[in-house]
Amino acid sequence: MTKVGIIGTGMLGEAVGLHLLDSKYEVTVYNRTKDKIENLVKHGAIAVETPKDVAEKSDIVITVVKDASAVSDVAFGNDGIIHGRHDGLTVADMSTINPNSAKEISQKFSDSGISFLEIPVMGGPNVAIDGKLVMMISGNEKTYEKFSDVFDTIAEKTFFLGESGTAHSIKLAMNLQIAMLALSLSEGITLTRKAGFDPEIFLKILNSTYFKTGMSEKKAYRMIKDNFEPTFTLQNLKKDLDTINEAAESFNVELSMSKMASKVYQNAMDAGFGDIDYTGILAYLKKINQ
């Protein structure tokens, strides 16, 4: 069976790793903060000291890190992935990064004789643990087909999208939806409360219409109870909004609402809400409207 490496074992990386282990894959893991690999090791993962070590022990290395700079660091830095190169090695990046950066990273890997795929996903650790993510894939199609067993284990739906940069472009467009939906729901709940009504009435009516979403049907009911246990933190969504706006600027596209959303999320972070779930934008609105 394919040997899988994971570099970056935060909430998503850990959940993906646990599901692969449960599916009987051999999984080698590395994380800069050592205590974040402990649960994976308890479930049978092999812990190593560097990204180079992960590459040497793996057929495919999945990177799940903060941003493009972090991808480059684990890939090309001292004891990086490229120093563990061997025949057939492929790297698949599950981080959320600028598509222009993805193209540059892909070229650097190619120059080093390593295949590279982009595999950003939709869905948090709560669905990753059961292999029910939605995955967008771009890069070389034959390389994708070679590791389709791994991707089909991680995700219940996969979309091969073609050349490098495509998957991350779609991923940014998807995360823009997340930011806007969270803001729209939060402002609707806030308006309803200020009008003197139970926001559950608002949600019940919303979810009876064409305008309902998975967020309004599920997370919204936790939101109105001030339950913001993170599956994806507010500060991470703010980071993605920055990446969206950087990409838009490089494409010469004006995304006015994205810029405004970034400012609101920045204000929420400045107010101390960065470590809670992204839907905690509601908690920030509650604070400023007291």
C-alpha atoms as a PDB file:
ATOM      1  CA  MET A   1       0.000   0.000   0.000  1.00  0.00           C
ATOM      2  CA  THR A   2       1.102   3.575  -0.675  1.00  0.00           C
ATOM      3  CA  LYS A   3       3.247   5.099   2.083  1.00  0.00           C
ATOM      4  CA  VAL A   4       1.934   8.533   3.052  1.00  0.00           C
ATOM      5  CA  GLY A   5       3.760  11.351   4.801  1.00  0.00           C
ATOM      6  CA  ILE A   6       2.055  14.305   6.467  1.00  0.00           C
ATOM      7  CA  ILE A   7       3.841  17.550   7.262  1.00  0.00           C
ATOM      8  CA  GLY A   8       1.683  19.816   9.416  1.00  0.00           C
ATOM      9  CA  THR A   9      -0.506  18.078  11.965  1.00  0.00           C
ATOM     10  CA  GLY A  10      -2.825  20.810  13.137  1.00  0.00           C
ATOM     11  CA  MET A  11      -6.544  20.089  13.373  1.00  0.00           C
ATOM     12  CA  LEU A  12      -6.968  19.180   9.692  1.00  0.00           C
ATOM     13  CA  GLY A  13      -3.653  17.383   9.222  1.00  0.00           C
ATOM     14  CA  GLU A  14      -4.223  15.298  12.334  1.00  0.00           C
ATOM     15  CA  ALA A  15      -7.739  14.281  11.255  1.00  0.00           C
ATOM     16  CA  VAL A  16      -6.546  13.309   7.769  1.00  0.00           C
ATOM     17  CA  GLY A  17      -3.716  11.298   9.307  1.00  0.00           C
ATOM     18  CA  LEU A  18      -5.976   9.483  11.746  1.00  0.00           C
ATOM     19  CA  HIS A  19      -8.347   8.493   8.953  1.00  0.00           C
ATOM     20  CA  LEU A  20      -5.480   7.212   6.793  1.00  0.00           C
ATOM     21  CA  LEU A  21      -4.186   5.180   9.733  1.00  0.00           C
ATOM     22  CA  ASP A  22      -7.667   3.792  10.308  1.00  0.00           C
ATOM     23  CA  SER A  23      -7.699   2.875   6.614  1.00  0.00           C
ATOM     24  CA  LYS A  24      -4.481   0.859   7.155  1.00  0.00           C
ATOM     25  CA  TYR A  25      -2.021   3.200   5.437  1.00  0.00           C
ATOM     26  CA  GLU A  26       1.511   3.568   6.770  1.00  0.00           C
ATOM     27  CA  VAL A  27       1.738   7.217   7.813  1.00  0.00           C
ATOM     28  CA  THR A  28       4.899   9.176   8.681  1.00  0.00           C
ATOM     29  CA  VAL A  29       4.418  12.549  10.365  1.00  0.00           C
ATOM     30  CA  TYR A  30       6.346  15.716  11.124  1.00  0.00           C
ATOM     31  CA  ASN A  31       5.264  18.899  12.847  1.00  0.00           C
ATOM     32  CA  ARG A  32       7.395  21.756  14.088  1.00  0.00           C
ATOM     33  CA  THR A  33       5.526  21.650  17.428  1.00  0.00           C
ATOM     34  CA  LYS A  34       6.209  18.120  18.617  1.00  0.00           C
ATOM     35  CA  ASP A  35       3.195  17.676  20.908  1.00  0.00           C
ATOM     36  CA  LYS A  36       0.887  17.979  17.899  1.00  0.00           C
ATOM     37  CA  ILE A  37       2.001  14.582  16.597  1.00  0.00           C
ATOM     38  CA  GLU A  38       1.436  12.683  19.854  1.00  0.00           C
ATOM     39  CA  ASN A  39      -2.113  11.552  19.104  1.00  0.00           C
ATOM     40  CA  LEU A  40      -1.110  10.320  15.654  1.00  0.00           C
ATOM     41  CA  VAL A  41       1.833   8.387  17.098  1.00  0.00           C
ATOM     42  CA  LYS A  42      -0.494   6.781  19.652  1.00  0.00           C
ATOM     43  CA  HIS A  43      -2.569   5.517  16.726  1.00  0.00           C
ATOM     44  CA  GLY A  44       0.413   4.069  14.878  1.00  0.00           C
ATOM     45  CA  ALA A  45       2.012   6.915  12.920  1.00  0.00           C
ATOM     46  CA  ILE A  46       5.788   7.047  12.554  1.00  0.00           C
ATOM     47  CA  ALA A  47       7.291  10.251  14.001  1.00  0.00           C
ATOM     48  CA  VAL A  48      10.404  11.734  12.387  1.00  0.00           C
ATOM     49  CA  GLU A  49      12.579  14.766  13.025  1.00  0.00           C
ATOM     50  CA  THR A  50      12.564  16.644   9.696  1.00  0.00           C
ATOM     51  CA  PRO A  51      10.587  17.066   6.461  1.00  0.00           C
ATOM     52  CA  LYS A  52      13.542  15.357   4.733  1.00  0.00           C
ATOM     53  CA  ASP A  53      12.897  12.257   6.860  1.00  0.00           C
ATOM     54  CA  VAL A  54       9.211  12.293   5.892  1.00  0.00           C
ATOM     55  CA  ALA A  55      10.127  12.391   2.193  1.00  0.00           C
ATOM     56  CA  GLU A  56      12.600   9.518   2.521  1.00  0.00           C
ATOM     57  CA  LYS A  57       9.960   7.266   4.101  1.00  0.00           C
ATOM     58  CA  SER A  58       7.009   8.206   1.848  1.00  0.00           C
ATOM     59  CA  ASP A  59       5.685   7.706  -1.658  1.00  0.00           C
ATOM     60  CA  ILE A  60       3.556  10.842  -1.328  1.00  0.00           C
ATOM     61  CA  VAL A  61       4.008  13.697   1.132  1.00  0.00           C
ATOM     62  CA  ILE A  62       0.971  15.803   2.025  1.00  0.00           C
ATOM     63  CA  THR A  63       1.728  19.302   3.323  1.00  0.00           C
ATOM     64  CA  VAL A  64      -0.925  20.967   5.495  1.00  0.00           C
ATOM     65  CA  VAL A  65       0.679  24.164   6.738  1.00  0.00           C
ATOM     66  CA  LYS A  66      -0.205  27.814   7.317  1.00  0.00           C
ATOM     67  CA  ASP A  67       0.716  29.570   4.067  1.00  0.00           C
ATOM     68  CA  ALA A  68       2.944  29.586   0.985  1.00  0.00           C
ATOM     69  CA  SER A  69       5.957  30.685   3.018  1.00  0.00           C
ATOM     70  CA  ALA A  70       5.512  27.687   5.308  1.00  0.00           C
ATOM     71  CA  VAL A  71       5.155  25.356   2.304  1.00  0.00           C
ATOM     72  CA  SER A  72       8.389  26.716   0.847  1.00  0.00           C
ATOM     73  CA  ASP A  73      10.165  26.354   4.174  1.00  0.00           C
ATOM     74  CA  VAL A  74       9.294  22.671   4.678  1.00  0.00           C
ATOM     75  CA  ALA A  75       9.903  21.996   0.991  1.00  0.00           C
ATOM     76  CA  PHE A  76      13.142  23.806   0.207  1.00  0.00           C
ATOM     77  CA  GLY A  77      14.677  24.813   3.529  1.00  0.00           C
ATOM     78  CA  ASN A  78      17.401  23.067   5.502  1.00  0.00           C
ATOM     79  CA  ASP A  79      16.385  19.405   5.891  1.00  0.00           C
ATOM     80  CA  GLY A  80      13.424  20.154   3.590  1.00  0.00           C
ATOM     81  CA  ILE A  81      11.508  17.701   1.438  1.00  0.00           C
ATOM     82  CA  ILE A  82      13.787  18.095  -1.582  1.00  0.00           C
ATOM     83  CA  HIS A  83      16.714  16.716   0.426  1.00  0.00           C
ATOM     84  CA  GLY A  84      14.814  13.454   0.817  1.00  0.00           C
ATOM     85  CA  ARG A  85      14.110  13.085  -2.902  1.00  0.00           C
ATOM     86  CA  HIS A  86      13.875   9.588  -4.364  1.00  0.00           C
ATOM     87  CA  ASP A  87      12.417   8.076  -7.513  1.00  0.00           C
ATOM     88  CA  GLY A  88       8.643   8.421  -7.673  1.00  0.00           C
ATOM     89  CA  LEU A  89       8.316  10.913  -4.823  1.00  0.00           C
ATOM     90  CA  THR A  90       5.274  13.183  -5.081  1.00  0.00           C
ATOM     91  CA  VAL A  91       4.317  16.151  -2.904  1.00  0.00           C
ATOM     92  CA  ALA A  92       0.656  17.165  -2.568  1.00  0.00           C
ATOM     93  CA  ASP A  93      -0.145  20.484  -0.926  1.00  0.00           C
ATOM     94  CA  MET A  94      -3.373  20.688   1.080  1.00  0.00           C
ATOM     95  CA  SER A  95      -2.666  24.170   2.436  1.00  0.00           C
ATOM     96  CA  THR A  96      -4.627  27.225   1.294  1.00  0.00           C
ATOM     97  CA  ILE A  97      -2.208  29.403  -0.677  1.00  0.00           C
ATOM     98  CA  ASN A  98      -2.071  31.919  -3.495  1.00  0.00           C
ATOM     99  CA  PRO A  99      -2.337  30.114  -6.866  1.00  0.00           C
ATOM    100  CA  ASN A 100       0.622  32.130  -8.138  1.00  0.00           C
ATOM    101  CA  SER A 101       2.702  30.808  -5.253  1.00  0.00           C
ATOM    102  CA  ALA A 102       1.485  27.289  -6.048  1.00  0.00           C
ATOM    103  CA  LYS A 103       2.794  27.611  -9.600  1.00  0.00           C
ATOM    104  CA  GLU A 104       6.186  28.800  -8.347  1.00  0.00           C
ATOM    105  CA  ILE A 105       6.412  25.965  -5.818  1.00  0.00           C
ATOM    106  CA  SER A 106       5.370  23.449  -8.470  1.00  0.00           C
ATOM    107  CA  GLN A 107       8.148  24.653 -10.772  1.00  0.00           C
ATOM    108  CA  LYS A 108      10.755  24.413  -8.003  1.00  0.00           C
ATOM    109  CA  PHE A 109       9.732  20.847  -7.241  1.00  0.00           C
ATOM    110  CA  SER A 110       9.808  19.981 -10.932  1.00  0.00           C
ATOM    111  CA  ASP A 111      13.334  21.404 -11.196  1.00  0.00           C
ATOM    112  CA  SER A 112      14.288  19.101  -8.317  1.00  0.00           C
ATOM    113  CA  GLY A 113      12.793  16.043 -10.019  1.00  0.00           C
ATOM    114  CA  ILE A 114       9.779  15.803  -7.692  1.00  0.00           C
ATOM    115  CA  SER A 115       6.149  15.667  -8.840  1.00  0.00           C
ATOM    116  CA  PHE A 116       3.776  18.188  -7.271  1.00  0.00           C
ATOM    117  CA  LEU A 117      -0.001  18.300  -6.929  1.00  0.00           C
ATOM    118  CA  GLU A 118      -2.335  20.807  -5.323  1.00  0.00           C
ATOM    119  CA  ILE A 119      -5.040  19.134  -3.229  1.00  0.00           C
ATOM    120  CA  PRO A 120      -6.873  21.802  -1.179  1.00  0.00           C
ATOM    121  CA  VAL A 121     -10.058  20.567   0.457  1.00  0.00           C
ATOM    122  CA  MET A 122     -13.408  21.756   1.697  1.00  0.00           C
ATOM    123  CA  GLY A 123     -14.567  20.525   5.086  1.00  0.00           C
ATOM    124  CA  GLY A 124     -13.008  20.613   8.527  1.00  0.00           C
ATOM    125  CA  PRO A 125     -11.505  18.013  10.832  1.00  0.00           C
ATOM    126  CA  ASN A 126     -14.994  16.884  11.862  1.00  0.00           C
ATOM    127  CA  VAL A 127     -15.547  15.424   8.374  1.00  0.00           C
ATOM    128  CA  ALA A 128     -11.895  14.669   7.578  1.00  0.00           C
ATOM    129  CA  ILE A 129     -11.858  12.091  10.360  1.00  0.00           C
ATOM    130  CA  ASP A 130     -14.386  10.053   8.352  1.00  0.00           C
ATOM    131  CA  GLY A 131     -12.872  10.670   4.908  1.00  0.00           C
ATOM    132  CA  LYS A 132     -15.717  12.912   3.793  1.00  0.00           C
ATOM    133  CA  LEU A 133     -13.827  15.952   2.548  1.00  0.00           C
ATOM    134  CA  VAL A 134     -14.299  17.479  -0.911  1.00  0.00           C
ATOM    135  CA  MET A 135     -10.958  17.713  -2.700  1.00  0.00           C
ATOM    136  CA  MET A 136      -9.874  19.915  -5.590  1.00  0.00           C
ATOM    137  CA  ILE A 137      -6.816  18.619  -7.460  1.00  0.00           C
ATOM    138  CA  SER A 138      -4.545  20.150 -10.056  1.00  0.00           C
ATOM    139  CA  GLY A 139      -1.217  19.251 -11.595  1.00  0.00           C
ATOM    140  CA  ASN A 140      -0.194  16.297 -13.726  1.00  0.00           C
ATOM    141  CA  GLU A 141      -3.163  13.999 -14.387  1.00  0.00           C
ATOM    142  CA  LYS A 142      -1.102  10.800 -14.470  1.00  0.00           C
ATOM    143  CA  THR A 143       0.372  11.655 -11.079  1.00  0.00           C
ATOM    144  CA  TYR A 144      -3.140  12.262  -9.763  1.00  0.00           C
ATOM    145  CA  GLU A 145      -4.262   8.876 -11.098  1.00  0.00           C
ATOM    146  CA  LYS A 146      -1.245   7.161  -9.537  1.00  0.00           C
ATOM    147  CA  PHE A 147      -2.341   8.265  -6.056  1.00  0.00           C
ATOM    148  CA  SER A 148      -6.087   8.234  -6.568  1.00  0.00           C
ATOM    149  CA  ASP A 149      -6.440   5.547  -3.898  1.00  0.00           C
ATOM    150  CA  VAL A 150      -5.085   7.960  -1.285  1.00  0.00           C
ATOM    151  CA  PHE A 151      -7.243  10.849  -2.469  1.00  0.00           C
ATOM    152  CA  ASP A 152     -10.377   8.714  -2.594  1.00  0.00           C
ATOM    153  CA  THR A 153      -9.684   7.613   0.973  1.00  0.00           C
ATOM    154  CA  ILE A 154      -9.297  11.188   2.207  1.00  0.00           C
ATOM    155  CA  ALA A 155     -12.249  12.656   0.305  1.00  0.00           C
ATOM    156  CA  GLU A 156     -15.700  11.446  -0.668  1.00  0.00           C
ATOM    157  CA  LYS A 157     -15.628  13.705  -3.729  1.00  0.00           C
ATOM    158  CA  THR A 158     -12.610  14.637  -5.829  1.00  0.00           C
ATOM    159  CA  PHE A 159     -12.418  17.095  -8.715  1.00  0.00           C
ATOM    160  CA  PHE A 160      -9.419  17.016 -11.045  1.00  0.00           C
ATOM    161  CA  LEU A 161      -9.144  20.533 -12.440  1.00  0.00           C
ATOM    162  CA  GLY A 162      -6.122  20.576 -14.721  1.00  0.00           C
ATOM    163  CA  GLU A 163      -2.967  22.645 -14.627  1.00  0.00           C
ATOM    164  CA  SER A 164      -1.158  23.966 -11.567  1.00  0.00           C
ATOM    165  CA  GLY A 165      -2.798  26.949  -9.873  1.00  0.00           C
ATOM    166  CA  THR A 166      -6.346  25.912 -10.699  1.00  0.00           C
ATOM    167  CA  ALA A 167      -7.193  24.051  -7.503  1.00  0.00           C
ATOM    168  CA  HIS A 168      -5.965  26.826  -5.234  1.00  0.00           C
ATOM    169  CA  SER A 169      -7.885  29.417  -7.262  1.00  0.00           C
ATOM    170  CA  ILE A 170     -11.122  27.483  -6.714  1.00  0.00           C
ATOM    171  CA  LYS A 171     -10.250  26.932  -3.056  1.00  0.00           C
ATOM    172  CA  LEU A 172      -9.907  30.682  -2.513  1.00  0.00           C
ATOM    173  CA  ALA A 173     -13.249  31.269  -4.224  1.00  0.00           C
ATOM    174  CA  MET A 174     -14.793  28.661  -1.914  1.00  0.00           C
ATOM    175  CA  ASN A 175     -13.324  30.177   1.255  1.00  0.00           C
ATOM    176  CA  LEU A 176     -14.671  33.548   0.171  1.00  0.00           C
ATOM    177  CA  GLN A 177     -18.132  31.980   0.329  1.00  0.00           C
ATOM    178  CA  ILE A 178     -17.427  30.778   3.874  1.00  0.00           C
ATOM    179  CA  ALA A 179     -16.411  34.268   5.014  1.00  0.00           C
ATOM    180  CA  MET A 180     -19.417  35.940   3.427  1.00  0.00           C
ATOM    181  CA  LEU A 181     -21.916  33.375   4.702  1.00  0.00           C
ATOM    182  CA  ALA A 182     -20.567  33.662   8.251  1.00  0.00           C
ATOM    183  CA  LEU A 183     -20.842  37.439   8.089  1.00  0.00           C
ATOM    184  CA  SER A 184     -24.323  37.383   6.586  1.00  0.00           C
ATOM    185  CA  LEU A 185     -25.618  34.911   9.175  1.00  0.00           C
ATOM    186  CA  SER A 186     -23.993  36.827  12.012  1.00  0.00           C
ATOM    187  CA  GLU A 187     -25.465  40.151  10.930  1.00  0.00           C
ATOM    188  CA  GLY A 188     -28.892  38.560  10.443  1.00  0.00           C
ATOM    189  CA  ILE A 189     -28.768  37.053  13.931  1.00  0.00           C
ATOM    190  CA  THR A 190     -27.572  40.346  15.403  1.00  0.00           C
ATOM    191  CA  LEU A 191     -30.328  42.316  13.674  1.00  0.00           C
ATOM    192  CA  THR A 192     -32.966  39.843  14.844  1.00  0.00           C
ATOM    193  CA  ARG A 193     -31.777  40.042  18.439  1.00  0.00           C
ATOM    194  CA  LYS A 194     -31.755  43.829  18.411  1.00  0.00           C
ATOM    195  CA  ALA A 195     -35.310  43.760  17.046  1.00  0.00           C
ATOM    196  CA  GLY A 196     -36.273  41.810  20.165  1.00  0.00           C
ATOM    197  CA  PHE A 197     -36.813  38.373  18.666  1.00  0.00           C
ATOM    198  CA  ASP A 198     -35.307  34.959  19.319  1.00  0.00           C
ATOM    199  CA  PRO A 199     -32.786  34.402  16.466  1.00  0.00           C
ATOM    200  CA  GLU A 200     -33.924  30.800  16.235  1.00  0.00           C
ATOM    201  CA  ILE A 201     -37.082  32.158  14.585  1.00  0.00           C
ATOM    202  CA  PHE A 202     -34.900  33.832  11.958  1.00  0.00           C
ATOM    203  CA  LEU A 203     -33.043  30.566  11.349  1.00  0.00           C
ATOM    204  CA  LYS A 204     -36.245  28.524  11.152  1.00  0.00           C
ATOM    205  CA  ILE A 205     -37.639  30.810   8.454  1.00  0.00           C
ATOM    206  CA  LEU A 206     -34.313  31.093   6.599  1.00  0.00           C
ATOM    207  CA  ASN A 207     -33.980  27.322   6.507  1.00  0.00           C
ATOM    208  CA  SER A 208     -37.478  27.043   5.038  1.00  0.00           C
ATOM    209  CA  THR A 209     -36.369  28.956   1.960  1.00  0.00           C
ATOM    210  CA  TYR A 210     -34.160  28.713  -1.103  1.00  0.00           C
ATOM    211  CA  PHE A 211     -31.517  30.736   0.758  1.00  0.00           C
ATOM    212  CA  LYS A 212     -30.671  28.107   3.378  1.00  0.00           C
ATOM    213  CA  THR A 213     -27.110  26.748   3.525  1.00  0.00           C
ATOM    214  CA  GLY A 214     -25.293  24.008   5.355  1.00  0.00           C
ATOM    215  CA  MET A 215     -23.995  26.697   7.685  1.00  0.00           C
ATOM    216  CA  SER A 216     -27.465  28.050   8.458  1.00  0.00           C
ATOM    217  CA  GLU A 217     -28.807  24.530   9.028  1.00  0.00           C
ATOM    218  CA  LYS A 218     -25.980  23.341  11.290  1.00  0.00           C
ATOM    219  CA  LYS A 219     -23.410  25.777  12.663  1.00  0.00           C
ATOM    220  CA  ALA A 220     -25.874  28.619  13.076  1.00  0.00           C
ATOM    221  CA  TYR A 221     -27.664  26.833  15.922  1.00  0.00           C
ATOM    222  CA  ARG A 222     -24.375  26.570  17.800  1.00  0.00           C
ATOM    223  CA  MET A 223     -23.631  30.199  16.999  1.00  0.00           C
ATOM    224  CA  ILE A 224     -26.784  31.491  18.688  1.00  0.00           C
ATOM    225  CA  LYS A 225     -25.781  29.532  21.807  1.00  0.00           C
ATOM    226  CA  ASP A 226     -22.326  31.198  21.793  1.00  0.00           C
ATOM    227  CA  ASN A 227     -20.674  27.874  20.974  1.00  0.00           C
ATOM    228  CA  PHE A 228     -17.587  28.719  18.953  1.00  0.00           C
ATOM    229  CA  GLU A 229     -15.497  25.576  19.447  1.00  0.00           C
ATOM    230  CA  PRO A 230     -13.063  25.888  16.543  1.00  0.00           C
ATOM    231  CA  THR A 231     -12.985  23.604  13.543  1.00  0.00           C
ATOM    232  CA  PHE A 232     -11.355  26.420  11.548  1.00  0.00           C
ATOM    233  CA  THR A 233     -10.248  29.498  13.462  1.00  0.00           C
ATOM    234  CA  LEU A 234     -11.210  33.069  12.787  1.00  0.00           C
ATOM    235  CA  GLN A 235      -7.560  34.048  12.383  1.00  0.00           C
ATOM    236  CA  ASN A 236      -7.083  31.351   9.727  1.00  0.00           C
ATOM    237  CA  LEU A 237     -10.052  32.644   7.757  1.00  0.00           C
ATOM    238  CA  LYS A 238      -8.622  36.167   8.030  1.00  0.00           C
ATOM    239  CA  LYS A 239      -5.342  34.809   6.618  1.00  0.00           C
ATOM    240  CA  ASP A 240      -7.283  33.291   3.717  1.00  0.00           C
ATOM    241  CA  LEU A 241      -9.083  36.576   3.066  1.00  0.00           C
ATOM    242  CA  ASP A 242      -5.689  38.254   2.802  1.00  0.00           C
ATOM    243  CA  THR A 243      -4.618  35.591   0.316  1.00  0.00           C
ATOM    244  CA  ILE A 244      -7.841  36.072  -1.658  1.00  0.00           C
ATOM    245  CA  ASN A 245      -7.232  39.805  -1.901  1.00  0.00           C
ATOM    246  CA  GLU A 246      -3.583  39.311  -2.875  1.00  0.00           C
ATOM    247  CA  ALA A 247      -4.616  36.906  -5.636  1.00  0.00           C
ATOM    248  CA  ALA A 248      -7.356  39.255  -6.840  1.00  0.00           C
ATOM    249  CA  GLU A 249      -4.878  42.103  -7.081  1.00  0.00           C
ATOM    250  CA  SER A 250      -2.482  39.945  -9.099  1.00  0.00           C
ATOM    251  CA  PHE A 251      -5.359  39.049 -11.455  1.00  0.00           C
ATOM    252  CA  ASN A 252      -6.345  42.738 -11.683  1.00  0.00           C
ATOM    253  CA  VAL A 253      -9.757  41.961 -10.173  1.00  0.00           C
ATOM    254  CA  GLU A 254     -11.658  44.282  -7.829  1.00  0.00           C
ATOM    255  CA  LEU A 255     -13.366  42.341  -5.001  1.00  0.00           C
ATOM    256  CA  SER A 256     -14.886  45.093  -2.882  1.00  0.00           C
ATOM    257  CA  MET A 257     -16.783  42.837  -0.490  1.00  0.00           C
ATOM    258  CA  SER A 258     -13.733  40.667   0.096  1.00  0.00           C
ATOM    259  CA  LYS A 259     -11.753  43.727   1.136  1.00  0.00           C
ATOM    260  CA  MET A 260     -14.508  44.832   3.498  1.00  0.00           C
ATOM    261  CA  ALA A 261     -14.779  41.344   4.995  1.00  0.00           C
ATOM    262  CA  SER A 262     -11.038  41.316   5.621  1.00  0.00           C
ATOM    263  CA  LYS A 263     -11.315  44.559   7.597  1.00  0.00           C
ATOM    264  CA  VAL A 264     -14.149  43.193   9.748  1.00  0.00           C
ATOM    265  CA  TYR A 265     -12.235  40.003  10.489  1.00  0.00           C
ATOM    266  CA  GLN A 266      -9.132  42.040  11.313  1.00  0.00           C
ATOM    267  CA  ASN A 267     -11.173  44.099  13.762  1.00  0.00           C
ATOM    268  CA  ALA A 268     -12.418  40.881  15.353  1.00  0.00           C
ATOM    269  CA  MET A 269      -8.875  39.602  15.704  1.00  0.00           C
ATOM    270  CA  ASP A 270      -7.758  42.891  17.247  1.00  0.00           C
ATOM    271  CA  ALA A 271     -10.607  42.506  19.737  1.00  0.00           C
ATOM    272  CA  GLY A 272      -9.284  39.094  20.812  1.00  0.00           C
ATOM    273  CA  PHE A 273     -11.506  36.697  18.851  1.00  0.00           C
ATOM    274  CA  GLY A 274      -8.818  35.138  16.619  1.00  0.00           C
ATOM    275  CA  ASP A 275      -8.541  31.742  18.309  1.00  0.00           C
ATOM    276  CA  ILE A 276     -12.229  30.795  18.267  1.00  0.00           C
ATOM    277  CA  ASP A 277     -14.171  29.380  15.323  1.00  0.00           C
ATOM    278  CA  TYR A 278     -14.557  31.654  12.309  1.00  0.00           C
ATOM    279  CA  THR A 279     -18.287  31.853  13.065  1.00  0.00           C
ATOM    280  CA  GLY A 280     -17.192  33.707  16.195  1.00  0.00           C
ATOM    281  CA  ILE A 281     -17.470  36.816  14.037  1.00  0.00           C
ATOM    282  CA  LEU A 282     -20.925  36.808  15.648  1.00  0.00           C
ATOM    283  CA  ALA A 283     -19.316  37.200  19.093  1.00  0.00           C
ATOM    284  CA  TYR A 284     -17.435  40.234  17.810  1.00  0.00           C
ATOM    285  CA  LEU A 285     -20.621  41.782  16.414  1.00  0.00           C
ATOM    286  CA  LYS A 286     -22.339  41.100  19.735  1.00  0.00           C
ATOM    287  CA  LYS A 287     -19.555  42.927  21.563  1.00  0.00           C
ATOM    288  CA  ILE A 288     -19.608  46.049  19.420  1.00  0.00           C
ATOM    289  CA  ASN A 289     -23.410  46.231  19.540  1.00  0.00           C
ATOM    290  CA  GLN A 290     -23.852  45.982  23.309  1.00  0.00           C
END
